[in-house]
Amino acid sequence: MIKEWAPAPYQKIEVAAEELKAIIRATYPAAQFQLARAADDRDAWNLWTLVEADDLDDVSALTKDREIDMLVEENIPLYVIPTRGRERFTQRVADAVRKTG
């Protein structure tokens, strides 16, 4: 018999988010987070992660395996969405403006 999928309650989402935050903070201690429902799926959650990193894929790589385990084994649809830190973002915009004149 196939078990029917049901989304995790919010309390489980919060606990899972804290686990993912701890994983990220081990490498990026200044990271900031915001937990929000996914815009395209009301059962899914995004953990927006503001981080100073040269390559955002490095941030994703830290949690990807655990995110998959949470989804498959625990029915917790929680996804880390890394974004550049404000300082790095504003620096890149300033650099682009200088290059284009």
PDB file of N, CA and C in Angstrom:
ATOM      1  N   MET A   1       0.840  -1.181   0.000  1.00  0.00           N
ATOM      2  CA  MET A   1       0.000   0.000   0.000  1.00  0.00           C
ATOM      3  C   MET A   1       0.887   1.248   0.000  1.00  0.00           C
ATOM      4  N   ILE A   2       0.567   2.187  -0.869  1.00  0.00           N
ATOM      5  CA  ILE A   2       1.326   3.419  -0.983  1.00  0.00           C
ATOM      6  C   ILE A   2       0.796   4.438   0.028  1.00  0.00           C
ATOM      7  N   LYS A   3       1.716   5.011   0.788  1.00  0.00           N
ATOM      8  CA  LYS A   3       1.364   6.003   1.791  1.00  0.00           C
ATOM      9  C   LYS A   3       1.085   7.329   1.106  1.00  0.00           C
ATOM     10  N   GLU A   4      -0.031   7.965   1.453  1.00  0.00           N
ATOM     11  CA  GLU A   4      -0.392   9.242   0.856  1.00  0.00           C
ATOM     12  C   GLU A   4       0.504  10.347   1.401  1.00  0.00           C
ATOM     13  N   TRP A   5       0.931  11.239   0.520  1.00  0.00           N
ATOM     14  CA  TRP A   5       1.801  12.334   0.912  1.00  0.00           C
ATOM     15  C   TRP A   5       0.991  13.432   1.569  1.00  0.00           C
ATOM     16  N   ALA A   6       1.485  13.920   2.667  1.00  0.00           N
ATOM     17  CA  ALA A   6       0.866  15.055   3.351  1.00  0.00           C
ATOM     18  C   ALA A   6       1.983  15.997   3.781  1.00  0.00           C
ATOM     19  N   PRO A   7       1.797  17.290   3.600  1.00  0.00           N
ATOM     20  CA  PRO A   7       2.850  18.232   3.983  1.00  0.00           C
ATOM     21  C   PRO A   7       3.068  18.222   5.494  1.00  0.00           C
ATOM     22  N   ALA A   8       4.276  18.561   5.882  1.00  0.00           N
ATOM     23  CA  ALA A   8       4.630  18.613   7.294  1.00  0.00           C
ATOM     24  C   ALA A   8       3.964  19.809   7.966  1.00  0.00           C
ATOM     25  N   PRO A   9       3.625  19.662   9.249  1.00  0.00           N
ATOM     26  CA  PRO A   9       3.081  20.826   9.972  1.00  0.00           C
ATOM     27  C   PRO A   9       4.155  21.889  10.155  1.00  0.00           C
ATOM     28  N   TYR A  10       3.708  23.122  10.398  1.00  0.00           N
ATOM     29  CA  TYR A  10       4.626  24.255  10.497  1.00  0.00           C
ATOM     30  C   TYR A  10       5.712  24.033  11.549  1.00  0.00           C
ATOM     31  N   GLN A  11       5.382  23.404  12.658  1.00  0.00           N
ATOM     32  CA  GLN A  11       6.370  23.164  13.714  1.00  0.00           C
ATOM     33  C   GLN A  11       7.541  22.335  13.182  1.00  0.00           C
ATOM     34  N   LYS A  12       7.265  21.319  12.359  1.00  0.00           N
ATOM     35  CA  LYS A  12       8.343  20.519  11.763  1.00  0.00           C
ATOM     36  C   LYS A  12       9.163  21.343  10.775  1.00  0.00           C
ATOM     37  N   ILE A  13       8.504  22.239  10.068  1.00  0.00           N
ATOM     38  CA  ILE A  13       9.199  23.122   9.133  1.00  0.00           C
ATOM     39  C   ILE A  13      10.180  24.008   9.898  1.00  0.00           C
ATOM     40  N   GLU A  14       9.731  24.564  11.011  1.00  0.00           N
ATOM     41  CA  GLU A  14      10.601  25.428  11.821  1.00  0.00           C
ATOM     42  C   GLU A  14      11.823  24.672  12.341  1.00  0.00           C
ATOM     43  N   VAL A  15      11.622  23.464  12.827  1.00  0.00           N
ATOM     44  CA  VAL A  15      12.729  22.655  13.340  1.00  0.00           C
ATOM     45  C   VAL A  15      13.708  22.333  12.205  1.00  0.00           C
ATOM     46  N   ALA A  16      13.172  21.970  11.051  1.00  0.00           N
ATOM     47  CA  ALA A  16      14.017  21.660   9.894  1.00  0.00           C
ATOM     48  C   ALA A  16      14.793  22.897   9.448  1.00  0.00           C
ATOM     49  N   ALA A  17      14.145  24.054   9.458  1.00  0.00           N
ATOM     50  CA  ALA A  17      14.813  25.294   9.070  1.00  0.00           C
ATOM     51  C   ALA A  17      15.971  25.600  10.016  1.00  0.00           C
ATOM     52  N   GLU A  18      15.781  25.382  11.307  1.00  0.00           N
ATOM     53  CA  GLU A  18      16.857  25.618  12.278  1.00  0.00           C
ATOM     54  C   GLU A  18      18.036  24.684  12.017  1.00  0.00           C
ATOM     55  N   GLU A  19      17.742  23.452  11.632  1.00  0.00           N
ATOM     56  CA  GLU A  19      18.817  22.506  11.300  1.00  0.00           C
ATOM     57  C   GLU A  19      19.620  22.984  10.094  1.00  0.00           C
ATOM     58  N   LEU A  20      18.922  23.425   9.050  1.00  0.00           N
ATOM     59  CA  LEU A  20      19.614  23.919   7.855  1.00  0.00           C
ATOM     60  C   LEU A  20      20.395  25.197   8.153  1.00  0.00           C
ATOM     61  N   LYS A  21      19.831  26.077   8.976  1.00  0.00           N
ATOM     62  CA  LYS A  21      20.545  27.292   9.375  1.00  0.00           C
ATOM     63  C   LYS A  21      21.861  26.944  10.065  1.00  0.00           C
ATOM     64  N   ALA A  22      21.820  25.962  10.960  1.00  0.00           N
ATOM     65  CA  ALA A  22      23.031  25.563  11.694  1.00  0.00           C
ATOM     66  C   ALA A  22      24.097  25.045  10.739  1.00  0.00           C
ATOM     67  N   ILE A  23      23.683  24.289   9.742  1.00  0.00           N
ATOM     68  CA  ILE A  23      24.633  23.770   8.751  1.00  0.00           C
ATOM     69  C   ILE A  23      25.299  24.934   8.012  1.00  0.00           C
ATOM     70  N   ILE A  24      24.498  25.913   7.604  1.00  0.00           N
ATOM     71  CA  ILE A  24      25.029  27.055   6.854  1.00  0.00           C
ATOM     72  C   ILE A  24      25.899  27.938   7.746  1.00  0.00           C
ATOM     73  N   ARG A  25      25.451  28.181   8.964  1.00  0.00           N
ATOM     74  CA  ARG A  25      26.219  29.048   9.875  1.00  0.00           C
ATOM     75  C   ARG A  25      27.572  28.463  10.251  1.00  0.00           C
ATOM     76  N   ALA A  26      27.726  27.154  10.159  1.00  0.00           N
ATOM     77  CA  ALA A  26      29.027  26.543  10.446  1.00  0.00           C
ATOM     78  C   ALA A  26      30.090  27.047   9.471  1.00  0.00           C
ATOM     79  N   THR A  27      29.682  27.371   8.252  1.00  0.00           N
ATOM     80  CA  THR A  27      30.607  27.882   7.238  1.00  0.00           C
ATOM     81  C   THR A  27      30.476  29.389   7.053  1.00  0.00           C
ATOM     82  N   TYR A  28      29.263  29.904   7.178  1.00  0.00           N
ATOM     83  CA  TYR A  28      28.982  31.333   6.982  1.00  0.00           C
ATOM     84  C   TYR A  28      28.292  31.879   8.235  1.00  0.00           C
ATOM     85  N   PRO A  29      29.057  32.185   9.282  1.00  0.00           N
ATOM     86  CA  PRO A  29      28.455  32.577  10.560  1.00  0.00           C
ATOM     87  C   PRO A  29      27.606  33.854  10.503  1.00  0.00           C
ATOM     88  N   ALA A  30      27.844  34.711   9.546  1.00  0.00           N
ATOM     89  CA  ALA A  30      27.094  35.969   9.461  1.00  0.00           C
ATOM     90  C   ALA A  30      25.836  35.851   8.595  1.00  0.00           C
ATOM     91  N   ALA A  31      25.525  34.656   8.123  1.00  0.00           N
ATOM     92  CA  ALA A  31      24.359  34.471   7.262  1.00  0.00           C
ATOM     93  C   ALA A  31      23.087  34.913   7.987  1.00  0.00           C
ATOM     94  N   GLN A  32      22.159  35.452   7.213  1.00  0.00           N
ATOM     95  CA  GLN A  32      20.851  35.854   7.741  1.00  0.00           C
ATOM     96  C   GLN A  32      19.787  35.071   6.995  1.00  0.00           C
ATOM     97  N   PHE A  33      18.662  34.829   7.662  1.00  0.00           N
ATOM     98  CA  PHE A  33      17.651  33.945   7.101  1.00  0.00           C
ATOM     99  C   PHE A  33      16.261  34.526   7.228  1.00  0.00           C
ATOM    100  N   GLN A  34      15.404  34.115   6.273  1.00  0.00           N
ATOM    101  CA  GLN A  34      13.987  34.417   6.353  1.00  0.00           C
ATOM    102  C   GLN A  34      13.233  33.211   5.811  1.00  0.00           C
ATOM    103  N   LEU A  35      12.339  32.677   6.610  1.00  0.00           N
ATOM    104  CA  LEU A  35      11.532  31.527   6.211  1.00  0.00           C
ATOM    105  C   LEU A  35      10.205  32.026   5.652  1.00  0.00           C
ATOM    106  N   ALA A  36       9.840  31.555   4.462  1.00  0.00           N
ATOM    107  CA  ALA A  36       8.598  31.996   3.824  1.00  0.00           C
ATOM    108  C   ALA A  36       8.028  30.871   2.968  1.00  0.00           C
ATOM    109  N   ARG A  37       6.722  30.884   2.831  1.00  0.00           N
ATOM    110  CA  ARG A  37       6.085  29.920   1.921  1.00  0.00           C
ATOM    111  C   ARG A  37       6.561  30.184   0.501  1.00  0.00           C
ATOM    112  N   ALA A  38       6.690  29.128  -0.274  1.00  0.00           N
ATOM    113  CA  ALA A  38       7.045  29.275  -1.688  1.00  0.00           C
ATOM    114  C   ALA A  38       5.868  29.910  -2.427  1.00  0.00           C
ATOM    115  N   ALA A  39       6.161  30.807  -3.327  1.00  0.00           N
ATOM    116  CA  ALA A  39       5.106  31.512  -4.059  1.00  0.00           C
ATOM    117  C   ALA A  39       4.338  30.587  -5.002  1.00  0.00           C
ATOM    118  N   ASP A  40       5.007  29.553  -5.508  1.00  0.00           N
ATOM    119  CA  ASP A  40       4.388  28.694  -6.513  1.00  0.00           C
ATOM    120  C   ASP A  40       3.831  27.384  -5.953  1.00  0.00           C
ATOM    121  N   ASP A  41       3.986  27.133  -4.641  1.00  0.00           N
ATOM    122  CA  ASP A  41       3.499  25.889  -4.038  1.00  0.00           C
ATOM    123  C   ASP A  41       3.232  26.146  -2.566  1.00  0.00           C
ATOM    124  N   ARG A  42       1.976  26.203  -2.179  1.00  0.00           N
ATOM    125  CA  ARG A  42       1.597  26.549  -0.809  1.00  0.00           C
ATOM    126  C   ARG A  42       2.038  25.507   0.224  1.00  0.00           C
ATOM    127  N   ASP A  43       2.414  24.319  -0.212  1.00  0.00           N
ATOM    128  CA  ASP A  43       2.901  23.299   0.717  1.00  0.00           C
ATOM    129  C   ASP A  43       4.408  23.384   0.925  1.00  0.00           C
ATOM    130  N   ALA A  44       5.107  24.111   0.061  1.00  0.00           N
ATOM    131  CA  ALA A  44       6.565  24.195   0.125  1.00  0.00           C
ATOM    132  C   ALA A  44       6.993  25.481   0.837  1.00  0.00           C
ATOM    133  N   TRP A  45       8.201  25.417   1.388  1.00  0.00           N
ATOM    134  CA  TRP A  45       8.773  26.557   2.112  1.00  0.00           C
ATOM    135  C   TRP A  45      10.149  26.868   1.558  1.00  0.00           C
ATOM    136  N   ASN A  46      10.488  28.158   1.551  1.00  0.00           N
ATOM    137  CA  ASN A  46      11.823  28.603   1.151  1.00  0.00           C
ATOM    138  C   ASN A  46      12.530  29.206   2.350  1.00  0.00           C
ATOM    139  N   LEU A  47      13.775  28.832   2.521  1.00  0.00           N
ATOM    140  CA  LEU A  47      14.620  29.442   3.535  1.00  0.00           C
ATOM    141  C   LEU A  47      15.562  30.388   2.795  1.00  0.00           C
ATOM    142  N   TRP A  48      15.140  31.654   2.681  1.00  0.00           N
ATOM    143  CA  TRP A  48      15.952  32.660   2.000  1.00  0.00           C
ATOM    144  C   TRP A  48      17.180  32.915   2.850  1.00  0.00           C
ATOM    145  N   THR A  49      18.344  32.827   2.228  1.00  0.00           N
ATOM    146  CA  THR A  49      19.612  32.900   2.943  1.00  0.00           C
ATOM    147  C   THR A  49      20.467  34.012   2.361  1.00  0.00           C
ATOM    148  N   LEU A  50      20.653  35.062   3.135  1.00  0.00           N
ATOM    149  CA  LEU A  50      21.482  36.190   2.734  1.00  0.00           C
ATOM    150  C   LEU A  50      22.887  35.912   3.238  1.00  0.00           C
ATOM    151  N   VAL A  51      23.842  35.779   2.312  1.00  0.00           N
ATOM    152  CA  VAL A  51      25.177  35.326   2.689  1.00  0.00           C
ATOM    153  C   VAL A  51      26.234  36.002   1.823  1.00  0.00           C
ATOM    154  N   GLU A  52      27.372  36.268   2.428  1.00  0.00           N
ATOM    155  CA  GLU A  52      28.518  36.791   1.689  1.00  0.00           C
ATOM    156  C   GLU A  52      29.309  35.591   1.168  1.00  0.00           C
ATOM    157  N   ALA A  53      29.124  35.258  -0.098  1.00  0.00           N
ATOM    158  CA  ALA A  53      29.813  34.112  -0.699  1.00  0.00           C
ATOM    159  C   ALA A  53      30.143  34.446  -2.138  1.00  0.00           C
ATOM    160  N   ASP A  54      31.312  34.009  -2.581  1.00  0.00           N
ATOM    161  CA  ASP A  54      31.695  34.228  -3.972  1.00  0.00           C
ATOM    162  C   ASP A  54      30.830  33.406  -4.922  1.00  0.00           C
ATOM    163  N   ASP A  55      30.500  32.195  -4.511  1.00  0.00           N
ATOM    164  CA  ASP A  55      29.722  31.285  -5.350  1.00  0.00           C
ATOM    165  C   ASP A  55      28.538  30.751  -4.550  1.00  0.00           C
ATOM    166  N   LEU A  56      27.333  31.134  -4.933  1.00  0.00           N
ATOM    167  CA  LEU A  56      26.142  30.706  -4.200  1.00  0.00           C
ATOM    168  C   LEU A  56      25.918  29.199  -4.287  1.00  0.00           C
ATOM    169  N   ASP A  57      26.474  28.559  -5.302  1.00  0.00           N
ATOM    170  CA  ASP A  57      26.366  27.103  -5.400  1.00  0.00           C
ATOM    171  C   ASP A  57      27.072  26.425  -4.230  1.00  0.00           C
ATOM    172  N   ASP A  58      28.100  27.066  -3.682  1.00  0.00           N
ATOM    173  CA  ASP A  58      28.779  26.510  -2.508  1.00  0.00           C
ATOM    174  C   ASP A  58      27.834  26.452  -1.311  1.00  0.00           C
ATOM    175  N   VAL A  59      26.984  27.453  -1.182  1.00  0.00           N
ATOM    176  CA  VAL A  59      26.003  27.477  -0.089  1.00  0.00           C
ATOM    177  C   VAL A  59      24.980  26.355  -0.301  1.00  0.00           C
ATOM    178  N   SER A  60      24.483  26.233  -1.509  1.00  0.00           N
ATOM    179  CA  SER A  60      23.506  25.185  -1.818  1.00  0.00           C
ATOM    180  C   SER A  60      24.077  23.794  -1.582  1.00  0.00           C
ATOM    181  N   ALA A  61      25.343  23.621  -1.911  1.00  0.00           N
ATOM    182  CA  ALA A  61      25.977  22.307  -1.757  1.00  0.00           C
ATOM    183  C   ALA A  61      26.032  21.864  -0.298  1.00  0.00           C
ATOM    184  N   LEU A  62      26.071  22.812   0.623  1.00  0.00           N
ATOM    185  CA  LEU A  62      26.128  22.472   2.043  1.00  0.00           C
ATOM    186  C   LEU A  62      24.872  21.739   2.521  1.00  0.00           C
ATOM    187  N   THR A  63      23.732  22.088   1.950  1.00  0.00           N
ATOM    188  CA  THR A  63      22.460  21.576   2.470  1.00  0.00           C
ATOM    189  C   THR A  63      21.683  20.679   1.510  1.00  0.00           C
ATOM    190  N   LYS A  64      22.119  20.576   0.269  1.00  0.00           N
ATOM    191  CA  LYS A  64      21.317  19.893  -0.748  1.00  0.00           C
ATOM    192  C   LYS A  64      20.940  18.458  -0.354  1.00  0.00           C
ATOM    193  N   ASP A  65      21.902  17.671   0.122  1.00  0.00           N
ATOM    194  CA  ASP A  65      21.604  16.281   0.494  1.00  0.00           C
ATOM    195  C   ASP A  65      20.580  16.214   1.628  1.00  0.00           C
ATOM    196  N   ARG A  66      20.729  17.105   2.608  1.00  0.00           N
ATOM    197  CA  ARG A  66      19.789  17.096   3.738  1.00  0.00           C
ATOM    198  C   ARG A  66      18.405  17.552   3.293  1.00  0.00           C
ATOM    199  N   GLU A  67      18.338  18.526   2.399  1.00  0.00           N
ATOM    200  CA  GLU A  67      17.042  18.971   1.869  1.00  0.00           C
ATOM    201  C   GLU A  67      16.310  17.812   1.192  1.00  0.00           C
ATOM    202  N   ILE A  68      17.038  17.030   0.405  1.00  0.00           N
ATOM    203  CA  ILE A  68      16.434  15.893  -0.289  1.00  0.00           C
ATOM    204  C   ILE A  68      15.949  14.855   0.717  1.00  0.00           C
ATOM    205  N   ASP A  69      16.772  14.553   1.724  1.00  0.00           N
ATOM    206  CA  ASP A  69      16.359  13.604   2.760  1.00  0.00           C
ATOM    207  C   ASP A  69      15.103  14.075   3.480  1.00  0.00           C
ATOM    208  N   MET A  70      15.058  15.359   3.806  1.00  0.00           N
ATOM    209  CA  MET A  70      13.880  15.903   4.491  1.00  0.00           C
ATOM    210  C   MET A  70      12.627  15.733   3.643  1.00  0.00           C
ATOM    211  N   LEU A  71      12.747  15.979   2.357  1.00  0.00           N
ATOM    212  CA  LEU A  71      11.597  15.872   1.464  1.00  0.00           C
ATOM    213  C   LEU A  71      11.149  14.422   1.312  1.00  0.00           C
ATOM    214  N   VAL A  72      12.088  13.536   1.014  1.00  0.00           N
ATOM    215  CA  VAL A  72      11.746  12.146   0.702  1.00  0.00           C
ATOM    216  C   VAL A  72      11.358  11.353   1.953  1.00  0.00           C
ATOM    217  N   GLU A  73      12.124  11.508   3.021  1.00  0.00           N
ATOM    218  CA  GLU A  73      11.919  10.670   4.202  1.00  0.00           C
ATOM    219  C   GLU A  73      10.964  11.269   5.230  1.00  0.00           C
ATOM    220  N   GLU A  74      10.871  12.609   5.269  1.00  0.00           N
ATOM    221  CA  GLU A  74      10.093  13.248   6.323  1.00  0.00           C
ATOM    222  C   GLU A  74       8.939  14.121   5.810  1.00  0.00           C
ATOM    223  N   ASN A  75       8.753  14.166   4.493  1.00  0.00           N
ATOM    224  CA  ASN A  75       7.708  14.988   3.874  1.00  0.00           C
ATOM    225  C   ASN A  75       7.827  16.461   4.257  1.00  0.00           C
ATOM    226  N   ILE A  76       9.059  16.957   4.281  1.00  0.00           N
ATOM    227  CA  ILE A  76       9.306  18.360   4.602  1.00  0.00           C
ATOM    228  C   ILE A  76       9.833  19.054   3.342  1.00  0.00           C
ATOM    229  N   PRO A  77       8.953  19.769   2.630  1.00  0.00           N
ATOM    230  CA  PRO A  77       9.368  20.485   1.419  1.00  0.00           C
ATOM    231  C   PRO A  77       9.962  21.852   1.760  1.00  0.00           C
ATOM    232  N   LEU A  78      11.247  21.853   2.099  1.00  0.00           N
ATOM    233  CA  LEU A  78      11.946  23.062   2.517  1.00  0.00           C
ATOM    234  C   LEU A  78      13.187  23.216   1.657  1.00  0.00           C
ATOM    235  N   TYR A  79      13.344  24.389   1.054  1.00  0.00           N
ATOM    236  CA  TYR A  79      14.431  24.616   0.114  1.00  0.00           C
ATOM    237  C   TYR A  79      15.226  25.856   0.492  1.00  0.00           C
ATOM    238  N   VAL A  80      16.542  25.732   0.522  1.00  0.00           N
ATOM    239  CA  VAL A  80      17.418  26.858   0.788  1.00  0.00           C
ATOM    240  C   VAL A  80      17.585  27.650  -0.503  1.00  0.00           C
ATOM    241  N   ILE A  81      17.356  28.959  -0.418  1.00  0.00           N
ATOM    242  CA  ILE A  81      17.510  29.854  -1.562  1.00  0.00           C
ATOM    243  C   ILE A  81      18.601  30.868  -1.193  1.00  0.00           C
ATOM    244  N   PRO A  82      19.847  30.595  -1.589  1.00  0.00           N
ATOM    245  CA  PRO A  82      20.917  31.530  -1.240  1.00  0.00           C
ATOM    246  C   PRO A  82      20.863  32.791  -2.102  1.00  0.00           C
ATOM    247  N   THR A  83      21.103  33.919  -1.457  1.00  0.00           N
ATOM    248  CA  THR A  83      21.181  35.204  -2.149  1.00  0.00           C
ATOM    249  C   THR A  83      22.435  35.925  -1.666  1.00  0.00           C
ATOM    250  N   ARG A  84      22.953  36.785  -2.493  1.00  0.00           N
ATOM    251  CA  ARG A  84      24.173  37.512  -2.133  1.00  0.00           C
ATOM    252  C   ARG A  84      23.898  38.493  -1.001  1.00  0.00           C
ATOM    253  N   GLY A  85      24.897  38.676  -0.184  1.00  0.00           N
ATOM    254  CA  GLY A  85      24.811  39.669   0.879  1.00  0.00           C
ATOM    255  C   GLY A  85      24.661  41.055   0.294  1.00  0.00           C
ATOM    256  N   ARG A  86      24.073  41.931   1.040  1.00  0.00           N
ATOM    257  CA  ARG A  86      23.825  43.296   0.555  1.00  0.00           C
ATOM    258  C   ARG A  86      25.103  43.978   0.092  1.00  0.00           C
ATOM    259  N   GLU A  87      26.180  43.836   0.856  1.00  0.00           N
ATOM    260  CA  GLU A  87      27.440  44.494   0.501  1.00  0.00           C
ATOM    261  C   GLU A  87      27.960  44.007  -0.843  1.00  0.00           C
ATOM    262  N   ARG A  88      27.967  42.706  -1.050  1.00  0.00           N
ATOM    263  CA  ARG A  88      28.476  42.140  -2.297  1.00  0.00           C
ATOM    264  C   ARG A  88      27.574  42.537  -3.462  1.00  0.00           C
ATOM    265  N   PHE A  89      26.246  42.529  -3.244  1.00  0.00           N
ATOM    266  CA  PHE A  89      25.317  42.897  -4.300  1.00  0.00           C
ATOM    267  C   PHE A  89      25.535  44.344  -4.719  1.00  0.00           C
ATOM    268  N   THR A  90      25.617  45.252  -3.752  1.00  0.00           N
ATOM    269  CA  THR A  90      25.800  46.657  -4.105  1.00  0.00           C
ATOM    270  C   THR A  90      27.158  46.894  -4.747  1.00  0.00           C
ATOM    271  N   GLN A  91      28.179  46.136  -4.342  1.00  0.00           N
ATOM    272  CA  GLN A  91      29.503  46.267  -4.963  1.00  0.00           C
ATOM    273  C   GLN A  91      29.450  45.828  -6.423  1.00  0.00           C
ATOM    274  N   ARG A  92      28.766  44.716  -6.715  1.00  0.00           N
ATOM    275  CA  ARG A  92      28.662  44.244  -8.094  1.00  0.00           C
ATOM    276  C   ARG A  92      27.909  45.232  -8.967  1.00  0.00           C
ATOM    277  N   VAL A  93      26.852  45.851  -8.417  1.00  0.00           N
ATOM    278  CA  VAL A  93      26.117  46.848  -9.185  1.00  0.00           C
ATOM    279  C   VAL A  93      27.021  48.042  -9.467  1.00  0.00           C
ATOM    280  N   ALA A  94      27.773  48.495  -8.476  1.00  0.00           N
ATOM    281  CA  ALA A  94      28.689  49.627  -8.678  1.00  0.00           C
ATOM    282  C   ALA A  94      29.748  49.281  -9.711  1.00  0.00           C
ATOM    283  N   ASP A  95      30.293  48.062  -9.660  1.00  0.00           N
ATOM    284  CA  ASP A  95      31.297  47.627 -10.648  1.00  0.00           C
ATOM    285  C   ASP A  95      30.704  47.616 -12.064  1.00  0.00           C
ATOM    286  N   ALA A  96      29.478  47.156 -12.196  1.00  0.00           N
ATOM    287  CA  ALA A  96      28.821  47.100 -13.507  1.00  0.00           C
ATOM    288  C   ALA A  96      28.598  48.501 -14.055  1.00  0.00           C
ATOM    289  N   VAL A  97      28.234  49.435 -13.181  1.00  0.00           N
ATOM    290  CA  VAL A  97      28.018  50.814 -13.623  1.00  0.00           C
ATOM    291  C   VAL A  97      29.319  51.411 -14.108  1.00  0.00           C
ATOM    292  N   ARG A  98      30.423  51.148 -13.380  1.00  0.00           N
ATOM    293  CA  ARG A  98      31.714  51.668 -13.786  1.00  0.00           C
ATOM    294  C   ARG A  98      32.141  51.112 -15.148  1.00  0.00           C
ATOM    295  N   LYS A  99      31.854  49.837 -15.390  1.00  0.00           N
ATOM    296  CA  LYS A  99      32.255  49.198 -16.653  1.00  0.00           C
ATOM    297  C   LYS A  99      31.471  49.748 -17.827  1.00  0.00           C
ATOM    298  N   THR A 100      30.207  50.093 -17.594  1.00  0.00           N
ATOM    299  CA  THR A 100      29.376  50.575 -18.701  1.00  0.00           C
ATOM    300  C   THR A 100      29.437  52.087 -18.858  1.00  0.00           C
ATOM    301  N   GLY A 101      30.003  52.762 -17.873  1.00  0.00           N
ATOM    302  CA  GLY A 101      30.181  54.197 -17.957  1.00  0.00           C
ATOM    303  C   GLY A 101      28.946  54.920 -17.640  1.00  0.00           C
TER     304      GLY A 101
END
